Every structure is written in C-alpha cells, then in structure tokens.
Amino acid sequence: VGTSMGLLIYFINLDKWEHIDRSDGLSHNNINDIVYYNDVLYIATSQGLTRLSKIINKTINSIDLLRNKNIYDICFVDGLLYMVTDIGLFYLDIESENVRQITNRKFKNIEENDGRIILSNKNTLFMLNSDFSIDMINKYDKIESFDLCANYVWVNSLNEASIYNFDSNFELTYNTSDGIVGDLIDDL
C-alpha cells in the first residue's frame, strides 16, 4: 500500500504489516504509484523512483537521473518502464538499466492495454506510438482520469463520462441526463 508516509507491506501468512520509508531507502515517503515486475516493486514517489526486491523486502537502488523528480504515474510495456514525471516522459529499459527521455511534454497519467499506450494531460488524450512519436486522440474540457478496456477508452471529465472507440473514432458521452447518479464522477 502506497501512502504519504511510505510503503506498507502486508504479509498474509504472518498477518503482519511492515512499514518502509525514507530511512529504509525510499526516495521519498509520498508514493504516487507502484508497479510489480519480475519480483521487484517499482515505486514512483514525489522525489524519484525506488526499486524494492520482493524476495528480500529491501530497497535496491534509485535511478540517479530521476532523483528529486516527481514521478506521477508508471507502467510496464515489453520490458520498458514508462514514467510520467514533472519534467517529461521517460522510459527505463529494465535489462540495460538505461533511462531515456522521450519528450519534455508533461502528462498526468499513462496506461497500457492491448499494446496501446495512452497518456493524458489536463484536457487531452494522446497515444504513444512504437517509434515514440505522440499523436493526439481527443480533447476534453478537463480529464480527471481515464481507463482502457479493449478498443475503448473511458474518460472522466468531472460531471460526465465519455467512451471513445479507437477503431471507429466514435465517441459517446454520458451524464446525469443519461442516468448517472450525482453531479460529480470520482473515478472510472
């Protein structure tokens, strides 16, 4: 569990919690995202990326290039860890441990599904292509969050939800007049 006070690990068989924070090697206590890959937890914090070995429950090393950088969101695709940061979009090649900046454009979220890598900023959805070029998908008044499902992306724009089909470029928008209860949508 990622918190503003560090990482909490629950050992199911022992019914015991362990707390890991900066004193244990986290780059910061404020955790924005966690991804598990090959027995390692990749922990995105407000001041860098920390790796924690699941086998020994100890931090490995932080990535120097991203030290003191706010990492908002991360996701794995084909052995690359993509990172949305306050200074742009990066990827970490897990095998070589090389870090590369793709762009200095700032994004808020990143998600992958069926080989599609989708990014968002405050009001636009983008697709990251295999050659690392970035194409705009669609604009909205405001994007709070989005979620991918097969050939569709759901977008939360506070008081409405839109579903966009990648194949047909068709979009439908739903709000209270369509039966959504309440004036605000918190998450999809």
C-alpha atoms as a PDB file:
ATOM      1  CA  VAL A   1       0.000   0.000   0.000  1.00  0.00           C
ATOM      2  CA  GLY A   2       1.476   3.341  -1.063  1.00  0.00           C
ATOM      3  CA  THR A   3       0.779   6.226   1.300  1.00  0.00           C
ATOM      4  CA  SER A   4       2.062   9.727   2.012  1.00  0.00           C
ATOM      5  CA  MET A   5       4.022   8.189   4.886  1.00  0.00           C
ATOM      6  CA  GLY A   6       5.772   5.437   2.904  1.00  0.00           C
ATOM      7  CA  LEU A   7       5.066   1.879   1.832  1.00  0.00           C
ATOM      8  CA  LEU A   8       3.051  -0.624   3.852  1.00  0.00           C
ATOM      9  CA  ILE A   9       3.575  -4.307   3.126  1.00  0.00           C
ATOM     10  CA  TYR A  10       1.142  -6.868   4.475  1.00  0.00           C
ATOM     11  CA  PHE A  11       2.399 -10.435   4.936  1.00  0.00           C
ATOM     12  CA  ILE A  12      -0.743 -12.536   4.562  1.00  0.00           C
ATOM     13  CA  ASN A  13       0.684 -15.747   6.043  1.00  0.00           C
ATOM     14  CA  LEU A  14       2.045 -13.933   9.096  1.00  0.00           C
ATOM     15  CA  ASP A  15      -0.841 -11.468   9.494  1.00  0.00           C
ATOM     16  CA  LYS A  16       1.807  -8.775   9.942  1.00  0.00           C
ATOM     17  CA  TRP A  17       2.475  -5.310   8.497  1.00  0.00           C
ATOM     18  CA  GLU A  18       5.866  -3.809   7.656  1.00  0.00           C
ATOM     19  CA  HIS A  19       6.451  -0.085   7.098  1.00  0.00           C
ATOM     20  CA  ILE A  20       9.154   1.103   4.682  1.00  0.00           C
ATOM     21  CA  ASP A  21      10.044   4.776   4.402  1.00  0.00           C
ATOM     22  CA  ARG A  22      12.948   7.118   3.550  1.00  0.00           C
ATOM     23  CA  SER A  23      15.036   5.726   6.397  1.00  0.00           C
ATOM     24  CA  ASP A  24      14.830   2.336   4.615  1.00  0.00           C
ATOM     25  CA  GLY A  25      15.907   3.739   1.228  1.00  0.00           C
ATOM     26  CA  LEU A  26      12.724   5.104  -0.368  1.00  0.00           C
ATOM     27  CA  SER A  27      13.441   8.192  -2.461  1.00  0.00           C
ATOM     28  CA  HIS A  28      10.505   9.883  -0.655  1.00  0.00           C
ATOM     29  CA  ASN A  29       7.651   8.857   1.634  1.00  0.00           C
ATOM     30  CA  ASN A  30       4.961  10.256  -0.692  1.00  0.00           C
ATOM     31  CA  ILE A  31       4.148   7.358  -3.049  1.00  0.00           C
ATOM     32  CA  ASN A  32       2.284   8.126  -6.290  1.00  0.00           C
ATOM     33  CA  ASP A  33       2.232   4.698  -7.958  1.00  0.00           C
ATOM     34  CA  ILE A  34       3.522   1.137  -7.554  1.00  0.00           C
ATOM     35  CA  VAL A  35       4.106  -1.471 -10.273  1.00  0.00           C
ATOM     36  CA  TYR A  36       5.236  -5.067  -9.773  1.00  0.00           C
ATOM     37  CA  TYR A  37       7.535  -6.687 -12.355  1.00  0.00           C
ATOM     38  CA  ASN A  38       9.884  -9.715 -12.082  1.00  0.00           C
ATOM     39  CA  ASP A  39       9.943  -9.874  -8.253  1.00  0.00           C
ATOM     40  CA  VAL A  40      10.628  -6.129  -7.954  1.00  0.00           C
ATOM     41  CA  LEU A  41       8.304  -3.339  -6.844  1.00  0.00           C
ATOM     42  CA  TYR A  42       8.892  -0.141  -8.793  1.00  0.00           C
ATOM     43  CA  ILE A  43       7.801   2.715  -6.553  1.00  0.00           C
ATOM     44  CA  ALA A  44       7.118   6.144  -8.062  1.00  0.00           C
ATOM     45  CA  THR A  45       7.441   8.891  -5.461  1.00  0.00           C
ATOM     46  CA  SER A  46       7.348  12.665  -5.401  1.00  0.00           C
ATOM     47  CA  GLN A  47      11.160  12.655  -5.436  1.00  0.00           C
ATOM     48  CA  GLY A  48      12.189   9.779  -7.677  1.00  0.00           C
ATOM     49  CA  LEU A  49      11.896   6.090  -8.435  1.00  0.00           C
ATOM     50  CA  THR A  50      12.852   3.373  -5.949  1.00  0.00           C
ATOM     51  CA  ARG A  51      13.076  -0.354  -6.603  1.00  0.00           C
ATOM     52  CA  LEU A  52      12.293  -2.814  -3.839  1.00  0.00           C
ATOM     53  CA  SER A  53      13.140  -6.518  -4.069  1.00  0.00           C
ATOM     54  CA  LYS A  54      10.137  -8.652  -3.154  1.00  0.00           C
ATOM     55  CA  ILE A  55      12.457 -11.533  -2.321  1.00  0.00           C
ATOM     56  CA  ILE A  56      14.394  -9.712   0.437  1.00  0.00           C
ATOM     57  CA  ASN A  57      11.957  -6.808   1.125  1.00  0.00           C
ATOM     58  CA  LYS A  58      14.788  -4.300   0.835  1.00  0.00           C
ATOM     59  CA  THR A  59      15.211  -1.324  -1.448  1.00  0.00           C
ATOM     60  CA  ILE A  60      17.623  -1.861  -4.282  1.00  0.00           C
ATOM     61  CA  ASN A  61      18.802   1.371  -5.854  1.00  0.00           C
ATOM     62  CA  SER A  62      17.156   4.544  -7.031  1.00  0.00           C
ATOM     63  CA  ILE A  63      17.620   5.897 -10.549  1.00  0.00           C
ATOM     64  CA  ASP A  64      20.040   8.843 -10.327  1.00  0.00           C
ATOM     65  CA  LEU A  65      18.703  10.673 -13.391  1.00  0.00           C
ATOM     66  CA  LEU A  66      15.251  10.831 -11.770  1.00  0.00           C
ATOM     67  CA  ARG A  67      16.393  11.690  -8.249  1.00  0.00           C
ATOM     68  CA  ASN A  68      14.344  14.612  -6.841  1.00  0.00           C
ATOM     69  CA  LYS A  69      11.874  14.419  -9.768  1.00  0.00           C
ATOM     70  CA  ASN A  70       8.164  13.950  -9.132  1.00  0.00           C
ATOM     71  CA  ILE A  71       7.038  10.738 -10.853  1.00  0.00           C
ATOM     72  CA  TYR A  72       3.253  10.833 -11.194  1.00  0.00           C
ATOM     73  CA  ASP A  73       2.461   7.557 -12.919  1.00  0.00           C
ATOM     74  CA  ILE A  74       4.290   4.479 -14.272  1.00  0.00           C
ATOM     75  CA  CYS A  75       3.515   1.421 -16.403  1.00  0.00           C
ATOM     76  CA  PHE A  76       5.401  -1.508 -17.933  1.00  0.00           C
ATOM     77  CA  VAL A  77       5.264  -2.401 -21.613  1.00  0.00           C
ATOM     78  CA  ASP A  78       7.592  -5.012 -23.160  1.00  0.00           C
ATOM     79  CA  GLY A  79      10.360  -4.673 -20.576  1.00  0.00           C
ATOM     80  CA  LEU A  80      10.266  -0.881 -20.553  1.00  0.00           C
ATOM     81  CA  LEU A  81       9.048   1.088 -17.540  1.00  0.00           C
ATOM     82  CA  TYR A  82       7.363   4.258 -18.808  1.00  0.00           C
ATOM     83  CA  MET A  83       7.338   7.158 -16.341  1.00  0.00           C
ATOM     84  CA  VAL A  84       5.266  10.345 -16.397  1.00  0.00           C
ATOM     85  CA  THR A  85       7.251  12.963 -14.467  1.00  0.00           C
ATOM     86  CA  ASP A  86       7.286  16.668 -13.732  1.00  0.00           C
ATOM     87  CA  ILE A  87       9.996  17.113 -16.392  1.00  0.00           C
ATOM     88  CA  GLY A  88       8.512  14.927 -19.129  1.00  0.00           C
ATOM     89  CA  LEU A  89       8.023  11.343 -20.283  1.00  0.00           C
ATOM     90  CA  PHE A  90      10.818   8.786 -19.740  1.00  0.00           C
ATOM     91  CA  TYR A  91      11.372   5.090 -20.040  1.00  0.00           C
ATOM     92  CA  LEU A  92      13.699   2.765 -18.162  1.00  0.00           C
ATOM     93  CA  ASP A  93      14.990  -0.288 -20.046  1.00  0.00           C
ATOM     94  CA  ILE A  94      14.977  -2.946 -17.312  1.00  0.00           C
ATOM     95  CA  GLU A  95      17.652  -5.111 -18.952  1.00  0.00           C
ATOM     96  CA  SER A  96      20.243  -2.404 -19.645  1.00  0.00           C
ATOM     97  CA  GLU A  97      19.081  -0.015 -16.885  1.00  0.00           C
ATOM     98  CA  ASN A  98      19.320   2.844 -19.404  1.00  0.00           C
ATOM     99  CA  VAL A  99      16.947   5.757 -18.880  1.00  0.00           C
ATOM    100  CA  ARG A 100      15.819   7.791 -21.870  1.00  0.00           C
ATOM    101  CA  GLN A 101      13.699  10.906 -22.043  1.00  0.00           C
ATOM    102  CA  ILE A 102      11.095  10.589 -24.790  1.00  0.00           C
ATOM    103  CA  THR A 103       9.793  14.149 -24.532  1.00  0.00           C
ATOM    104  CA  ASN A 104       9.775  17.074 -22.142  1.00  0.00           C
ATOM    105  CA  ARG A 105       5.998  17.419 -22.625  1.00  0.00           C
ATOM    106  CA  LYS A 106       4.211  16.957 -19.332  1.00  0.00           C
ATOM    107  CA  PHE A 107       1.478  14.385 -18.823  1.00  0.00           C
ATOM    108  CA  LYS A 108      -0.644  13.377 -15.838  1.00  0.00           C
ATOM    109  CA  ASN A 109      -1.408   9.682 -16.438  1.00  0.00           C
ATOM    110  CA  ILE A 110      -0.222   6.735 -18.518  1.00  0.00           C
ATOM    111  CA  GLU A 111      -1.987   3.421 -19.146  1.00  0.00           C
ATOM    112  CA  GLU A 112      -1.429   0.449 -21.440  1.00  0.00           C
ATOM    113  CA  ASN A 113      -3.862  -2.103 -22.816  1.00  0.00           C
ATOM    114  CA  ASP A 114      -3.578  -4.424 -25.819  1.00  0.00           C
ATOM    115  CA  GLY A 115      -0.335  -2.744 -26.905  1.00  0.00           C
ATOM    116  CA  ARG A 116      -1.763   0.772 -26.827  1.00  0.00           C
ATOM    117  CA  ILE A 117      -0.025   3.286 -24.590  1.00  0.00           C
ATOM    118  CA  ILE A 118      -2.319   6.188 -23.730  1.00  0.00           C
ATOM    119  CA  LEU A 119      -1.286   9.410 -21.982  1.00  0.00           C
ATOM    120  CA  SER A 120      -3.325  12.307 -20.654  1.00  0.00           C
ATOM    121  CA  ASN A 121      -2.695  15.821 -19.541  1.00  0.00           C
ATOM    122  CA  LYS A 122      -5.322  18.120 -18.054  1.00  0.00           C
ATOM    123  CA  ASN A 123      -7.581  18.137 -21.134  1.00  0.00           C
ATOM    124  CA  THR A 124      -6.203  15.910 -23.909  1.00  0.00           C
ATOM    125  CA  LEU A 125      -5.677  12.200 -24.574  1.00  0.00           C
ATOM    126  CA  PHE A 126      -2.622  11.098 -26.544  1.00  0.00           C
ATOM    127  CA  MET A 127      -1.281   7.834 -27.962  1.00  0.00           C
ATOM    128  CA  LEU A 128       2.407   6.944 -27.711  1.00  0.00           C
ATOM    129  CA  ASN A 129       3.461   5.126 -30.889  1.00  0.00           C
ATOM    130  CA  SER A 130       6.113   2.411 -31.170  1.00  0.00           C
ATOM    131  CA  ASP A 131       8.546   4.950 -32.689  1.00  0.00           C
ATOM    132  CA  PHE A 132       7.980   7.173 -29.593  1.00  0.00           C
ATOM    133  CA  SER A 133       6.047   9.772 -31.579  1.00  0.00           C
ATOM    134  CA  ILE A 134       2.935  11.071 -29.830  1.00  0.00           C
ATOM    135  CA  ASP A 135      -0.442  11.584 -31.521  1.00  0.00           C
ATOM    136  CA  MET A 136      -3.409  13.473 -30.103  1.00  0.00           C
ATOM    137  CA  ILE A 137      -6.541  11.336 -29.758  1.00  0.00           C
ATOM    138  CA  ASN A 138      -9.157  13.755 -28.437  1.00  0.00           C
ATOM    139  CA  LYS A 139      -9.683  16.917 -26.370  1.00  0.00           C
ATOM    140  CA  TYR A 140     -11.990  17.351 -23.370  1.00  0.00           C
ATOM    141  CA  ASP A 141     -12.908  20.204 -21.018  1.00  0.00           C
ATOM    142  CA  LYS A 142     -10.992  18.516 -18.225  1.00  0.00           C
ATOM    143  CA  ILE A 143      -9.652  14.996 -17.710  1.00  0.00           C
ATOM    144  CA  GLU A 144      -9.754  13.698 -14.158  1.00  0.00           C
ATOM    145  CA  SER A 145      -8.913  10.098 -15.055  1.00  0.00           C
ATOM    146  CA  PHE A 146      -9.259   7.548 -17.826  1.00  0.00           C
ATOM    147  CA  ASP A 147      -9.359   3.778 -18.161  1.00  0.00           C
ATOM    148  CA  LEU A 148      -8.695   1.447 -21.082  1.00  0.00           C
ATOM    149  CA  CYS A 149     -10.841  -1.545 -21.992  1.00  0.00           C
ATOM    150  CA  ALA A 150     -10.096  -3.447 -25.235  1.00  0.00           C
ATOM    151  CA  ASN A 151     -10.622  -0.964 -28.114  1.00  0.00           C
ATOM    152  CA  TYR A 152     -12.182   1.684 -25.888  1.00  0.00           C
ATOM    153  CA  VAL A 153     -11.082   4.401 -23.526  1.00  0.00           C
ATOM    154  CA  TRP A 154     -13.382   5.768 -20.823  1.00  0.00           C
ATOM    155  CA  VAL A 155     -12.679   9.390 -19.857  1.00  0.00           C
ATOM    156  CA  ASN A 156     -13.825  11.030 -16.619  1.00  0.00           C
ATOM    157  CA  SER A 157     -14.442  14.762 -17.129  1.00  0.00           C
ATOM    158  CA  LEU A 158     -15.834  15.533 -13.632  1.00  0.00           C
ATOM    159  CA  ASN A 159     -19.555  15.645 -14.450  1.00  0.00           C
ATOM    160  CA  GLU A 160     -19.616  13.371 -17.495  1.00  0.00           C
ATOM    161  CA  ALA A 161     -18.069  10.151 -18.725  1.00  0.00           C
ATOM    162  CA  SER A 162     -17.139   9.603 -22.347  1.00  0.00           C
ATOM    163  CA  ILE A 163     -16.348   6.363 -24.120  1.00  0.00           C
ATOM    164  CA  TYR A 164     -14.165   6.560 -27.227  1.00  0.00           C
ATOM    165  CA  ASN A 165     -13.677   3.733 -29.747  1.00  0.00           C
ATOM    166  CA  PHE A 166     -10.129   3.649 -31.186  1.00  0.00           C
ATOM    167  CA  ASP A 167     -11.164   1.714 -34.298  1.00  0.00           C
ATOM    168  CA  SER A 168     -14.122   3.854 -35.405  1.00  0.00           C
ATOM    169  CA  ASN A 169     -13.172   7.178 -33.726  1.00  0.00           C
ATOM    170  CA  PHE A 170     -16.752   7.218 -32.411  1.00  0.00           C
ATOM    171  CA  GLU A 171     -17.480   8.732 -29.011  1.00  0.00           C
ATOM    172  CA  LEU A 172     -20.475   8.740 -26.683  1.00  0.00           C
ATOM    173  CA  THR A 173     -20.818  10.976 -23.625  1.00  0.00           C
ATOM    174  CA  TYR A 174     -22.915  10.206 -20.547  1.00  0.00           C
ATOM    175  CA  ASN A 175     -24.014  12.477 -17.690  1.00  0.00           C
ATOM    176  CA  THR A 176     -26.905  12.874 -15.228  1.00  0.00           C
ATOM    177  CA  SER A 177     -29.423  13.165 -18.075  1.00  0.00           C
ATOM    178  CA  ASP A 178     -28.379   9.642 -19.137  1.00  0.00           C
ATOM    179  CA  GLY A 179     -28.849   8.179 -15.662  1.00  0.00           C
ATOM    180  CA  ILE A 180     -25.502   8.801 -13.950  1.00  0.00           C
ATOM    181  CA  VAL A 181     -26.353   9.485 -10.300  1.00  0.00           C
ATOM    182  CA  GLY A 182     -24.802  12.605  -8.796  1.00  0.00           C
ATOM    183  CA  ASP A 183     -23.152  15.687 -10.281  1.00  0.00           C
ATOM    184  CA  LEU A 184     -19.547  14.509  -9.998  1.00  0.00           C
ATOM    185  CA  ILE A 185     -17.759  11.408 -11.230  1.00  0.00           C
ATOM    186  CA  ASP A 186     -14.865  10.499  -8.962  1.00  0.00           C
ATOM    187  CA  ASP A 187     -13.322   7.615 -10.887  1.00  0.00           C
ATOM    188  CA  LEU A 188     -13.923   5.078 -13.656  1.00  0.00           C
END
